C-alpha atoms as a PDB file:
ATOM      1  CA  MET A   1      12.678  -3.922 -21.496  1.00  0.00           C
ATOM      2  CA  SER A   2      13.728  -2.875 -18.343  1.00  0.00           C
ATOM      3  CA  LEU A   3      13.158  -5.042 -15.068  1.00  0.00           C
ATOM      4  CA  GLU A   4      10.820  -2.294 -13.683  1.00  0.00           C
ATOM      5  CA  ALA A   5       8.824  -2.180 -16.941  1.00  0.00           C
ATOM      6  CA  GLU A   6       8.663  -5.905 -16.964  1.00  0.00           C
ATOM      7  CA  ILE A   7       7.576  -5.956 -13.250  1.00  0.00           C
ATOM      8  CA  GLU A   8       4.833  -3.611 -14.235  1.00  0.00           C
ATOM      9  CA  ARG A   9       3.716  -5.533 -17.254  1.00  0.00           C
ATOM     10  CA  GLN A  10       3.589  -8.888 -15.249  1.00  0.00           C
ATOM     11  CA  VAL A  11       1.643  -7.423 -12.483  1.00  0.00           C
ATOM     12  CA  ALA A  12      -0.569  -5.944 -14.752  1.00  0.00           C
ATOM     13  CA  LEU A  13      -1.229  -9.507 -16.110  1.00  0.00           C
ATOM     14  CA  ALA A  14      -1.606 -11.076 -12.988  1.00  0.00           C
ATOM     15  CA  ALA A  15      -4.084  -8.489 -11.889  1.00  0.00           C
ATOM     16  CA  ILE A  16      -6.275  -9.433 -15.029  1.00  0.00           C
ATOM     17  CA  GLU A  17      -6.090 -12.938 -14.378  1.00  0.00           C
ATOM     18  CA  THR A  18      -7.287 -12.512 -10.805  1.00  0.00           C
ATOM     19  CA  LEU A  19      -9.972 -10.528 -12.051  1.00  0.00           C
ATOM     20  CA  ALA A  20     -11.191 -13.474 -14.192  1.00  0.00           C
ATOM     21  CA  GLY A  21     -11.452 -15.797 -11.199  1.00  0.00           C
ATOM     22  CA  GLN A  22     -14.656 -16.601  -9.577  1.00  0.00           C
ATOM     23  CA  ASP A  23     -13.635 -15.772  -5.899  1.00  0.00           C
ATOM     24  CA  ARG A  24     -12.281 -12.416  -6.653  1.00  0.00           C
ATOM     25  CA  PRO A  25     -11.639 -11.005  -3.248  1.00  0.00           C
ATOM     26  CA  ARG A  26      -9.703 -14.215  -2.143  1.00  0.00           C
ATOM     27  CA  GLY A  27      -7.957 -14.268  -5.539  1.00  0.00           C
ATOM     28  CA  PHE A  28      -6.765 -10.663  -4.599  1.00  0.00           C
ATOM     29  CA  SER A  29      -5.850 -11.623  -1.187  1.00  0.00           C
ATOM     30  CA  ASP A  30      -3.693 -14.315  -2.799  1.00  0.00           C
ATOM     31  CA  LEU A  31      -1.831 -11.935  -5.446  1.00  0.00           C
ATOM     32  CA  PHE A  32      -1.025  -9.629  -2.600  1.00  0.00           C
ATOM     33  CA  LEU A  33       0.862 -12.350  -0.738  1.00  0.00           C
ATOM     34  CA  LEU A  34       2.493 -13.160  -4.255  1.00  0.00           C
ATOM     35  CA  LEU A  35       3.452  -9.662  -4.643  1.00  0.00           C
ATOM     36  CA  GLU A  36       5.206  -9.148  -1.301  1.00  0.00           C
ATOM     37  CA  GLU A  37       6.950 -12.586  -1.990  1.00  0.00           C
ATOM     38  CA  THR A  38       8.125 -11.574  -5.546  1.00  0.00           C
ATOM     39  CA  ALA A  39       9.321  -8.269  -4.144  1.00  0.00           C
ATOM     40  CA  VAL A  40      11.196  -9.478  -1.456  1.00  0.00           C
ATOM     41  CA  GLY A  41      13.151 -11.778  -3.674  1.00  0.00           C
ATOM     42  CA  LEU A  42      14.024  -9.325  -6.019  1.00  0.00           C
ATOM     43  CA  ILE A  43      15.194  -6.814  -3.689  1.00  0.00           C
ATOM     44  CA  GLU A  44      17.338  -9.605  -1.984  1.00  0.00           C
ATOM     45  CA  ARG A  45      18.747  -9.950  -5.431  1.00  0.00           C
ATOM     46  CA  HIS A  46      19.376  -6.472  -6.029  1.00  0.00           C
ATOM     47  CA  ARG A  47      21.001  -6.146  -2.797  1.00  0.00           C
ATOM     48  CA  ALA A  48      23.528  -8.885  -3.352  1.00  0.00           C
ATOM     49  CA  GLU A  49      24.535  -7.788  -6.825  1.00  0.00           C
ATOM     50  CA  PHE A  50      24.330  -4.013  -5.993  1.00  0.00           C
ATOM     51  CA  PRO A  51      24.225  -3.210  -2.408  1.00  0.00           C
ATOM     52  CA  PRO A  52      22.865   0.073  -0.996  1.00  0.00           C
ATOM     53  CA  PRO A  53      25.571   2.409   0.105  1.00  0.00           C
ATOM     54  CA  THR A  54      24.614   2.131   3.763  1.00  0.00           C
ATOM     55  CA  PRO A  55      22.389  -0.239   5.632  1.00  0.00           C
ATOM     56  CA  LEU A  56      18.575   0.570   5.739  1.00  0.00           C
ATOM     57  CA  HIS A  57      17.570   2.155   9.032  1.00  0.00           C
ATOM     58  CA  CYS A  58      14.228   1.253   9.216  1.00  0.00           C
ATOM     59  CA  LYS A  59      13.471  -1.084  11.992  1.00  0.00           C
ATOM     60  CA  ASP A  60      10.541  -2.058  14.323  1.00  0.00           C
ATOM     61  CA  GLY A  61       9.344   0.538  16.352  1.00  0.00           C
ATOM     62  CA  CYS A  62      10.449   3.278  14.070  1.00  0.00           C
ATOM     63  CA  THR A  63       7.728   5.284  13.168  1.00  0.00           C
ATOM     64  CA  PRO A  64       8.336   8.875  11.488  1.00  0.00           C
ATOM     65  CA  CYS A  65       7.063   7.580   7.982  1.00  0.00           C
ATOM     66  CA  CYS A  66       3.830   6.426   9.744  1.00  0.00           C
ATOM     67  CA  PHE A  67       3.259  10.354  10.439  1.00  0.00           C
ATOM     68  CA  THR A  68       3.428  10.945   6.714  1.00  0.00           C
ATOM     69  CA  LYS A  69       0.278  13.274   5.851  1.00  0.00           C
ATOM     70  CA  HIS A  70      -0.928  11.191   2.755  1.00  0.00           C
ATOM     71  CA  ILE A  71      -0.364   7.457   1.584  1.00  0.00           C
ATOM     72  CA  VAL A  72      -1.491   6.843  -1.745  1.00  0.00           C
ATOM     73  CA  MET A  73      -3.098   3.489  -2.435  1.00  0.00           C
ATOM     74  CA  THR A  74      -5.198   1.843  -4.904  1.00  0.00           C
ATOM     75  CA  PRO A  75      -8.861   0.529  -4.602  1.00  0.00           C
ATOM     76  CA  PRO A  76      -7.665  -3.260  -4.581  1.00  0.00           C
ATOM     77  CA  GLU A  77      -5.197  -2.690  -1.776  1.00  0.00           C
ATOM     78  CA  ALA A  78      -7.834  -0.761   0.312  1.00  0.00           C
ATOM     79  CA  LEU A  79     -10.295  -3.560  -0.156  1.00  0.00           C
ATOM     80  CA  PHE A  80      -7.666  -5.995   0.979  1.00  0.00           C
ATOM     81  CA  LEU A  81      -6.434  -4.176   3.925  1.00  0.00           C
ATOM     82  CA  LEU A  82     -10.207  -3.478   5.120  1.00  0.00           C
ATOM     83  CA  ASP A  83     -11.026  -7.265   4.583  1.00  0.00           C
ATOM     84  CA  MET A  84      -8.416  -7.882   7.195  1.00  0.00           C
ATOM     85  CA  ILE A  85      -9.064  -5.218   9.580  1.00  0.00           C
ATOM     86  CA  GLU A  86     -12.922  -6.414   9.453  1.00  0.00           C
ATOM     87  CA  LEU A  87     -12.072  -9.861   9.799  1.00  0.00           C
ATOM     88  CA  CYS A  88     -10.182  -9.240  13.034  1.00  0.00           C
ATOM     89  CA  GLY A  89     -13.060  -7.284  14.400  1.00  0.00           C
ATOM     90  CA  PHE A  90     -11.305  -4.170  14.453  1.00  0.00           C
ATOM     91  CA  ARG A  91     -13.292  -2.051  11.603  1.00  0.00           C
ATOM     92  CA  LEU A  92     -15.344   0.202  13.943  1.00  0.00           C
ATOM     93  CA  ALA A  93     -12.312   1.024  16.235  1.00  0.00           C
ATOM     94  CA  VAL A  94     -10.036   1.880  13.235  1.00  0.00           C
ATOM     95  CA  SER A  95     -12.882   3.952  11.525  1.00  0.00           C
ATOM     96  CA  GLN A  96     -13.244   5.901  14.846  1.00  0.00           C
ATOM     97  CA  GLU A  97      -9.404   6.394  15.112  1.00  0.00           C
ATOM     98  CA  ALA A  98      -9.406   7.595  11.397  1.00  0.00           C
ATOM     99  CA  HIS A  99     -11.994  10.408  12.416  1.00  0.00           C
ATOM    100  CA  SER A 100     -10.085  11.332  15.405  1.00  0.00           C
ATOM    101  CA  SER A 101      -7.535  14.240  15.640  1.00  0.00           C
ATOM    102  CA  ARG A 102      -4.762  11.970  16.770  1.00  0.00           C
ATOM    103  CA  LYS A 103      -1.699  12.329  14.518  1.00  0.00           C
ATOM    104  CA  GLY A 104       0.001   9.546  12.626  1.00  0.00           C
ATOM    105  CA  CYS A 105      -1.539   6.595  10.850  1.00  0.00           C
ATOM    106  CA  PRO A 106      -4.777   5.251  12.405  1.00  0.00           C
ATOM    107  CA  LEU A 107      -3.364   1.575  12.322  1.00  0.00           C
ATOM    108  CA  LEU A 108      -0.404   2.809  14.399  1.00  0.00           C
ATOM    109  CA  SER A 109      -0.418   1.364  18.177  1.00  0.00           C
ATOM    110  CA  LYS A 110       0.631   3.513  21.107  1.00  0.00           C
ATOM    111  CA  LYS A 111       3.969   1.432  21.443  1.00  0.00           C
ATOM    112  CA  GLY A 112       4.679   2.233  17.799  1.00  0.00           C
ATOM    113  CA  HIS A 113       3.799  -0.804  15.983  1.00  0.00           C
ATOM    114  CA  CYS A 114       1.564  -1.116  13.002  1.00  0.00           C
ATOM    115  CA  ARG A 115      -1.158  -3.382  13.933  1.00  0.00           C
ATOM    116  CA  PHE A 116      -1.722  -4.514   9.997  1.00  0.00           C
ATOM    117  CA  TYR A 117       1.888  -4.465   9.199  1.00  0.00           C
ATOM    118  CA  ALA A 118       1.621  -7.721   6.834  1.00  0.00           C
ATOM    119  CA  HIS A 119      -1.200  -6.077   5.153  1.00  0.00           C
ATOM    120  CA  ARG A 120       0.065  -2.440   4.814  1.00  0.00           C
ATOM    121  CA  PRO A 121      -0.251  -0.709   1.384  1.00  0.00           C
ATOM    122  CA  LEU A 122       2.253  -0.880  -1.337  1.00  0.00           C
ATOM    123  CA  MET A 123       3.655   2.717  -0.729  1.00  0.00           C
ATOM    124  CA  CYS A 124       4.202   1.729   3.010  1.00  0.00           C
ATOM    125  CA  ARG A 125       6.488  -1.118   1.608  1.00  0.00           C
ATOM    126  CA  ALA A 126       8.118   1.080  -0.858  1.00  0.00           C
ATOM    127  CA  PHE A 127       9.212   3.653   1.609  1.00  0.00           C
ATOM    128  CA  HIS A 128      12.503   3.005   3.395  1.00  0.00           C
ATOM    129  CA  SER A 129      15.451   5.123   4.823  1.00  0.00           C
ATOM    130  CA  LEU A 130      19.163   5.118   4.500  1.00  0.00           C
ATOM    131  CA  ASP A 131      19.328   7.835   7.341  1.00  0.00           C
ATOM    132  CA  VAL A 132      16.831   7.860  10.213  1.00  0.00           C
ATOM    133  CA  GLU A 133      17.964  11.241  11.447  1.00  0.00           C
ATOM    134  CA  ALA A 134      16.579  12.609   8.100  1.00  0.00           C
ATOM    135  CA  CYS A 135      13.295  10.867   8.825  1.00  0.00           C
ATOM    136  CA  LYS A 136      13.071  12.424  12.333  1.00  0.00           C
ATOM    137  CA  LYS A 137      13.051  15.735  10.542  1.00  0.00           C
ATOM    138  CA  GLY A 138       9.972  15.010   9.004  1.00  0.00           C
ATOM    139  CA  VAL A 139       9.031  12.433   6.296  1.00  0.00           C
ATOM    140  CA  GLY A 140       7.386  14.499   3.408  1.00  0.00           C
ATOM    141  CA  VAL A 141       8.398  17.684   4.677  1.00  0.00           C
ATOM    142  CA  PRO A 142       9.201  20.307   1.791  1.00  0.00           C
ATOM    143  CA  GLY A 143      12.983  20.692   1.895  1.00  0.00           C
ATOM    144  CA  ASN A 144      13.848  17.521   3.826  1.00  0.00           C
ATOM    145  CA  GLU A 145      14.885  14.676   1.596  1.00  0.00           C
ATOM    146  CA  VAL A 146      15.154  11.261   3.001  1.00  0.00           C
ATOM    147  CA  PRO A 147      17.918   9.283   1.242  1.00  0.00           C
ATOM    148  CA  ILE A 148      16.494   5.822  -0.256  1.00  0.00           C
ATOM    149  CA  TRP A 149      17.953   2.858  -2.285  1.00  0.00           C
ATOM    150  CA  PRO A 150      16.127   3.200  -5.528  1.00  0.00           C
ATOM    151  CA  PRO A 151      15.660  -0.428  -6.521  1.00  0.00           C
ATOM    152  CA  HIS A 152      13.548  -1.055  -3.426  1.00  0.00           C
ATOM    153  CA  PHE A 153      11.363   1.854  -4.110  1.00  0.00           C
ATOM    154  CA  GLU A 154      11.182   0.931  -7.798  1.00  0.00           C
ATOM    155  CA  ILE A 155       9.982  -2.451  -7.303  1.00  0.00           C
ATOM    156  CA  TYR A 156       6.988  -1.517  -5.091  1.00  0.00           C
ATOM    157  CA  THR A 157       6.084   1.338  -6.905  1.00  0.00           C
ATOM    158  CA  ARG A 158       6.141  -0.381 -10.231  1.00  0.00           C
ATOM    159  CA  MET A 159       3.751  -3.243  -8.705  1.00  0.00           C
ATOM    160  CA  GLN A 160       1.238  -0.580  -7.663  1.00  0.00           C
ATOM    161  CA  ALA A 161       1.380   0.938 -11.225  1.00  0.00           C
ATOM    162  CA  GLY A 162       0.986  -2.591 -12.713  1.00  0.00           C
ATOM    163  CA  LEU A 163      -2.049  -3.200 -10.718  1.00  0.00           C
ATOM    164  CA  ALA A 164      -3.635   0.136 -11.816  1.00  0.00           C
ATOM    165  CA  ARG A 165      -2.773  -0.660 -15.614  1.00  0.00           C
ATOM    166  CA  GLY A 166      -4.210  -4.115 -15.393  1.00  0.00           C
ATOM    167  CA  LEU A 167      -7.281  -3.181 -13.662  1.00  0.00           C
ATOM    168  CA  MET A 168      -7.993   0.014 -15.865  1.00  0.00           C
ATOM    169  CA  GLU A 169      -7.796  -2.132 -18.974  1.00  0.00           C
ATOM    170  CA  LYS A 170     -10.682  -4.085 -17.565  1.00  0.00           C
ATOM    171  CA  GLY A 171     -12.504  -1.035 -16.899  1.00  0.00           C
ATOM    172  CA  LEU A 172     -12.437  -0.850 -13.064  1.00  0.00           C
ATOM    173  CA  ALA A 173     -12.292   2.245 -11.342  1.00  0.00           C
ATOM    174  CA  MET A 174      -8.507   2.793 -10.276  1.00  0.00           C
ATOM    175  CA  THR A 175      -8.386   6.200  -8.764  1.00  0.00           C
ATOM    176  CA  LYS A 176      -5.755   7.272  -6.415  1.00  0.00           C
ATOM    177  CA  LEU A 177      -6.938   6.814  -2.737  1.00  0.00           C
ATOM    178  CA  ASP A 178      -5.756   8.435   0.519  1.00  0.00           C
ATOM    179  CA  LEU A 179      -5.111   5.953   3.262  1.00  0.00           C
ATOM    180  CA  ARG A 180      -6.487   7.831   6.254  1.00  0.00           C
ATOM    181  CA  PRO A 181     -10.078   8.596   4.788  1.00  0.00           C
ATOM    182  CA  VAL A 182     -10.185   4.910   3.387  1.00  0.00           C
ATOM    183  CA  LEU A 183      -9.703   3.658   6.979  1.00  0.00           C
ATOM    184  CA  ALA A 184     -12.503   6.256   8.089  1.00  0.00           C
ATOM    185  CA  LEU A 185     -15.173   4.228   5.856  1.00  0.00           C
ATOM    186  CA  GLU A 186     -17.743   2.422   7.729  1.00  0.00           C
ATOM    187  CA  THR A 187     -19.513   0.682   4.827  1.00  0.00           C
ATOM    188  CA  PRO A 188     -19.181  -3.026   4.950  1.00  0.00           C
ATOM    189  CA  THR A 189     -16.278  -4.327   3.016  1.00  0.00           C
ATOM    190  CA  ALA A 190     -18.305  -6.864   1.157  1.00  0.00           C
ATOM    191  CA  LEU A 191     -20.490  -4.250  -0.290  1.00  0.00           C
ATOM    192  CA  LEU A 192     -17.417  -2.090  -1.229  1.00  0.00           C
ATOM    193  CA  TRP A 193     -16.062  -5.152  -3.255  1.00  0.00           C
ATOM    194  CA  ASP A 194     -19.367  -5.470  -4.990  1.00  0.00           C
ATOM    195  CA  ILE A 195     -19.624  -1.950  -6.058  1.00  0.00           C
ATOM    196  CA  TRP A 196     -15.944  -1.717  -7.133  1.00  0.00           C
ATOM    197  CA  LEU A 197     -16.009  -5.096  -8.915  1.00  0.00           C
ATOM    198  CA  ASN A 198     -19.085  -4.068 -10.821  1.00  0.00           C
ATOM    199  CA  GLY A 199     -17.292  -0.890 -12.012  1.00  0.00           C
ATOM    200  CA  GLY A 200     -18.479   1.420  -9.588  1.00  0.00           C
ATOM    201  CA  ASP A 201     -16.667   3.642  -7.066  1.00  0.00           C
ATOM    202  CA  PRO A 202     -17.161   3.396  -3.576  1.00  0.00           C
ATOM    203  CA  PHE A 203     -14.353   5.383  -2.356  1.00  0.00           C
ATOM    204  CA  THR A 204     -15.254   8.907  -3.544  1.00  0.00           C
ATOM    205  CA  THR A 205     -14.678  10.356  -0.135  1.00  0.00           C
ATOM    206  CA  ALA A 206     -11.271   9.051  -0.108  1.00  0.00           C
ATOM    207  CA  ARG A 207      -9.924  10.141  -3.422  1.00  0.00           C
ATOM    208  CA  MET A 208      -6.694  12.073  -3.516  1.00  0.00           C
ATOM    209  CA  ASP A 209      -7.944  14.284  -6.317  1.00  0.00           C
ATOM    210  CA  GLN A 210     -10.981  15.849  -4.508  1.00  0.00           C
END
Protein backbone atom coordinates (compact mmCIF):
# COMPACT_ATOMS: atom_id res chain seq x y z
CA MET A 1 0.00 0.00 0.00
CA SER A 2 1.34 3.43 -0.95
CA LEU A 3 1.91 6.10 1.69
CA GLU A 4 -0.88 8.19 0.16
CA ALA A 5 -3.35 5.31 0.35
CA GLU A 6 -2.28 4.58 3.93
CA ILE A 7 -2.86 8.22 4.91
CA GLU A 8 -6.37 8.03 3.46
CA ARG A 9 -7.08 4.76 5.28
CA GLN A 10 -5.81 5.97 8.64
CA VAL A 11 -7.74 9.24 8.42
CA ALA A 12 -10.90 7.31 7.54
CA LEU A 13 -10.43 5.15 10.64
CA ALA A 14 -9.73 8.21 12.79
CA ALA A 15 -12.88 9.92 11.50
CA ILE A 16 -14.98 6.84 12.35
CA GLU A 17 -13.43 6.71 15.83
CA THR A 18 -14.16 10.41 16.33
CA LEU A 19 -17.76 9.85 15.33
CA ALA A 20 -18.09 7.19 18.03
CA GLY A 21 -17.12 9.67 20.76
CA GLN A 22 -19.70 11.38 22.95
CA ASP A 23 -18.55 14.99 22.41
CA ARG A 24 -18.34 14.78 18.64
CA PRO A 25 -17.93 18.49 17.77
CA ARG A 26 -14.98 18.70 20.19
CA GLY A 27 -13.71 15.38 18.84
CA PHE A 28 -13.59 16.71 15.30
CA SER A 29 -11.78 19.82 16.49
CA ASP A 30 -9.13 17.61 18.08
CA LEU A 31 -9.00 15.47 14.94
CA PHE A 32 -8.26 18.46 12.70
CA LEU A 33 -5.48 19.59 15.00
CA LEU A 34 -4.01 16.09 14.85
CA LEU A 35 -4.30 16.01 11.05
CA GLU A 36 -2.38 19.27 10.75
CA GLU A 37 0.34 18.09 13.11
CA THR A 38 0.64 14.83 11.16
CA ALA A 39 0.68 16.60 7.79
CA VAL A 40 3.43 18.97 8.86
CA GLY A 41 5.54 16.05 10.09
CA LEU A 42 5.07 14.11 6.85
CA ILE A 43 5.88 17.17 4.73
CA GLU A 44 9.06 17.83 6.69
CA ARG A 45 10.10 14.19 6.25
CA HIS A 46 9.48 14.31 2.51
CA ARG A 47 11.31 17.62 2.22
CA ALA A 48 14.36 16.15 3.95
CA GLU A 49 14.40 13.03 1.73
CA PHE A 50 13.13 14.46 -1.57
CA PRO A 51 13.39 18.27 -1.45
CA PRO A 52 11.32 20.33 -3.91
CA PRO A 53 13.22 21.65 -6.95
CA THR A 54 12.85 25.23 -5.71
CA PRO A 55 11.76 26.72 -2.37
CA LEU A 56 8.05 27.24 -1.77
CA HIS A 57 7.15 30.83 -2.64
CA CYS A 58 4.17 31.04 -0.28
CA LYS A 59 4.61 33.54 2.55
CA ASP A 60 2.63 35.73 4.91
CA GLY A 61 0.65 38.36 3.02
CA CYS A 62 0.81 36.52 -0.32
CA THR A 63 -2.85 36.20 -1.38
CA PRO A 64 -3.39 35.23 -5.08
CA CYS A 65 -4.77 31.82 -4.08
CA CYS A 66 -7.29 33.58 -1.79
CA PHE A 67 -8.98 34.91 -4.94
CA THR A 68 -9.65 31.46 -6.37
CA LYS A 69 -13.29 31.19 -7.42
CA HIS A 70 -14.02 27.95 -5.54
CA ILE A 71 -12.50 26.19 -2.52
CA VAL A 72 -13.78 22.64 -2.04
CA MET A 73 -14.37 21.47 1.51
CA THR A 74 -16.21 18.70 3.38
CA PRO A 75 -19.02 19.16 5.94
CA PRO A 76 -16.82 18.50 9.01
CA GLU A 77 -14.28 21.05 7.76
CA ALA A 78 -17.10 23.55 7.29
CA LEU A 79 -18.48 22.92 10.77
CA PHE A 80 -15.03 23.16 12.36
CA LEU A 81 -14.38 26.50 10.65
CA LEU A 82 -17.83 27.92 11.42
CA ASP A 83 -17.44 26.87 15.05
CA MET A 84 -14.25 28.91 15.36
CA ILE A 85 -15.76 31.93 13.60
CA GLU A 86 -18.82 31.81 15.86
CA LEU A 87 -16.69 31.34 18.98
CA CYS A 88 -14.75 34.50 18.12
CA GLY A 89 -17.96 36.48 17.56
CA PHE A 90 -17.43 37.10 13.83
CA ARG A 91 -20.18 34.91 12.39
CA LEU A 92 -22.51 37.74 11.28
CA ALA A 93 -19.67 39.86 9.91
CA VAL A 94 -18.26 36.95 7.90
CA SER A 95 -21.70 36.04 6.58
CA GLN A 96 -22.28 39.61 5.41
CA GLU A 97 -18.85 39.65 3.76
CA ALA A 98 -19.66 36.38 1.98
CA HIS A 99 -22.86 37.93 0.62
CA SER A 100 -21.01 41.03 -0.60
CA SER A 101 -19.62 41.57 -4.10
CA ARG A 102 -16.05 42.03 -2.86
CA LYS A 103 -13.70 39.64 -4.59
CA GLY A 104 -11.56 37.21 -2.65
CA CYS A 105 -12.15 34.98 0.33
CA PRO A 106 -14.47 36.51 2.96
CA LEU A 107 -11.90 35.56 5.61
CA LEU A 108 -9.21 37.70 4.01
CA SER A 109 -8.48 40.95 5.85
CA LYS A 110 -7.85 44.23 4.04
CA LYS A 111 -4.19 43.85 4.99
CA GLY A 112 -3.96 40.52 3.20
CA HIS A 113 -4.10 38.10 6.11
CA CYS A 114 -6.42 35.15 6.64
CA ARG A 115 -8.31 35.92 9.84
CA PHE A 116 -8.82 32.20 10.52
CA TYR A 117 -5.61 30.80 9.07
CA ALA A 118 -5.23 28.14 11.78
CA HIS A 119 -8.70 26.81 10.95
CA ARG A 120 -8.62 27.03 7.14
CA PRO A 121 -9.90 24.15 4.96
CA LEU A 122 -7.63 21.29 3.95
CA MET A 123 -7.60 22.46 0.33
CA CYS A 124 -6.23 25.83 1.45
CA ARG A 125 -3.49 23.93 3.26
CA ALA A 126 -2.89 21.73 0.23
CA PHE A 127 -2.32 24.56 -2.22
CA HIS A 128 1.18 25.97 -2.45
CA SER A 129 3.38 27.42 -5.15
CA LEU A 130 6.91 27.11 -6.48
CA ASP A 131 6.46 30.23 -8.63
CA VAL A 132 4.79 33.35 -7.26
CA GLU A 133 4.72 34.97 -10.70
CA ALA A 134 2.53 32.14 -11.96
CA CYS A 135 0.20 32.80 -9.02
CA LYS A 136 -0.06 36.46 -9.90
CA LYS A 137 -1.34 35.50 -13.36
CA GLY A 138 -4.34 33.92 -11.64
CA VAL A 139 -4.68 30.78 -9.57
CA GLY A 140 -7.21 28.49 -11.18
CA VAL A 141 -7.32 30.48 -14.43
CA PRO A 142 -7.58 28.09 -17.42
CA GLY A 143 -4.25 27.80 -19.21
CA ASN A 144 -2.24 29.10 -16.27
CA GLU A 145 -0.51 26.26 -14.43
CA VAL A 146 1.00 27.00 -11.02
CA PRO A 147 3.91 24.61 -10.33
CA ILE A 148 3.59 22.75 -7.02
CA TRP A 149 5.51 20.11 -5.07
CA PRO A 150 3.31 16.96 -5.36
CA PRO A 151 3.96 15.41 -1.90
CA HIS A 152 2.60 18.50 -0.15
CA PHE A 153 -0.58 18.51 -2.21
CA GLU A 154 -1.09 14.73 -1.98
CA ILE A 155 -0.84 14.62 1.81
CA TYR A 156 -3.65 17.12 2.39
CA THR A 157 -5.91 15.93 -0.41
CA ARG A 158 -5.59 12.33 0.81
CA MET A 159 -6.55 13.49 4.28
CA GLN A 160 -9.65 15.14 2.87
CA ALA A 161 -10.46 11.97 0.92
CA GLY A 162 -10.00 9.91 4.08
CA LEU A 163 -12.47 12.10 5.96
CA ALA A 164 -15.04 11.64 3.24
CA ARG A 165 -14.45 7.90 3.01
CA GLY A 166 -14.75 7.24 6.74
CA LEU A 167 -17.83 9.36 7.33
CA MET A 168 -19.64 8.17 4.24
CA GLU A 169 -19.23 4.64 5.58
CA LYS A 170 -21.21 5.77 8.64
CA GLY A 171 -24.01 7.20 6.52
CA LEU A 172 -23.26 10.92 6.93
CA ALA A 173 -23.77 13.42 4.11
CA MET A 174 -20.37 14.09 2.54
CA THR A 175 -21.22 16.42 -0.33
CA LYS A 176 -18.53 18.67 -1.78
CA LEU A 177 -19.04 22.18 -0.44
CA ASP A 178 -17.88 25.58 -1.68
CA LEU A 179 -16.24 27.80 0.93
CA ARG A 180 -17.92 31.14 0.15
CA PRO A 181 -21.56 29.95 0.34
CA VAL A 182 -20.65 27.99 3.48
CA LEU A 183 -19.46 31.22 5.07
CA ALA A 184 -22.65 32.95 3.92
CA LEU A 185 -24.80 30.68 6.10
CA GLU A 186 -26.42 32.27 9.14
CA THR A 187 -27.81 29.15 10.84
CA PRO A 188 -26.27 28.62 14.32
CA THR A 189 -23.41 26.15 14.14
CA ALA A 190 -24.85 23.97 16.90
CA LEU A 191 -27.96 23.39 14.79
CA LEU A 192 -25.84 22.63 11.71
CA TRP A 193 -23.91 20.06 13.74
CA ASP A 194 -27.12 18.49 14.98
CA ILE A 195 -28.63 18.15 11.51
CA TRP A 196 -25.45 16.72 9.99
CA LEU A 197 -24.66 14.27 12.80
CA ASN A 198 -28.21 12.93 12.51
CA GLY A 199 -27.79 12.14 8.82
CA GLY A 200 -29.21 15.33 7.32
CA ASP A 201 -27.62 17.80 4.92
CA PRO A 202 -27.67 21.37 6.27
CA PHE A 203 -25.47 22.63 3.42
CA THR A 204 -27.77 22.37 0.41
CA THR A 205 -27.12 25.99 -0.61
CA ALA A 206 -23.34 25.48 -0.50
CA ARG A 207 -23.08 22.29 -2.53
CA MET A 208 -20.67 22.30 -5.47
CA ASP A 209 -22.96 20.07 -7.58
CA GLN A 210 -25.94 22.42 -7.75
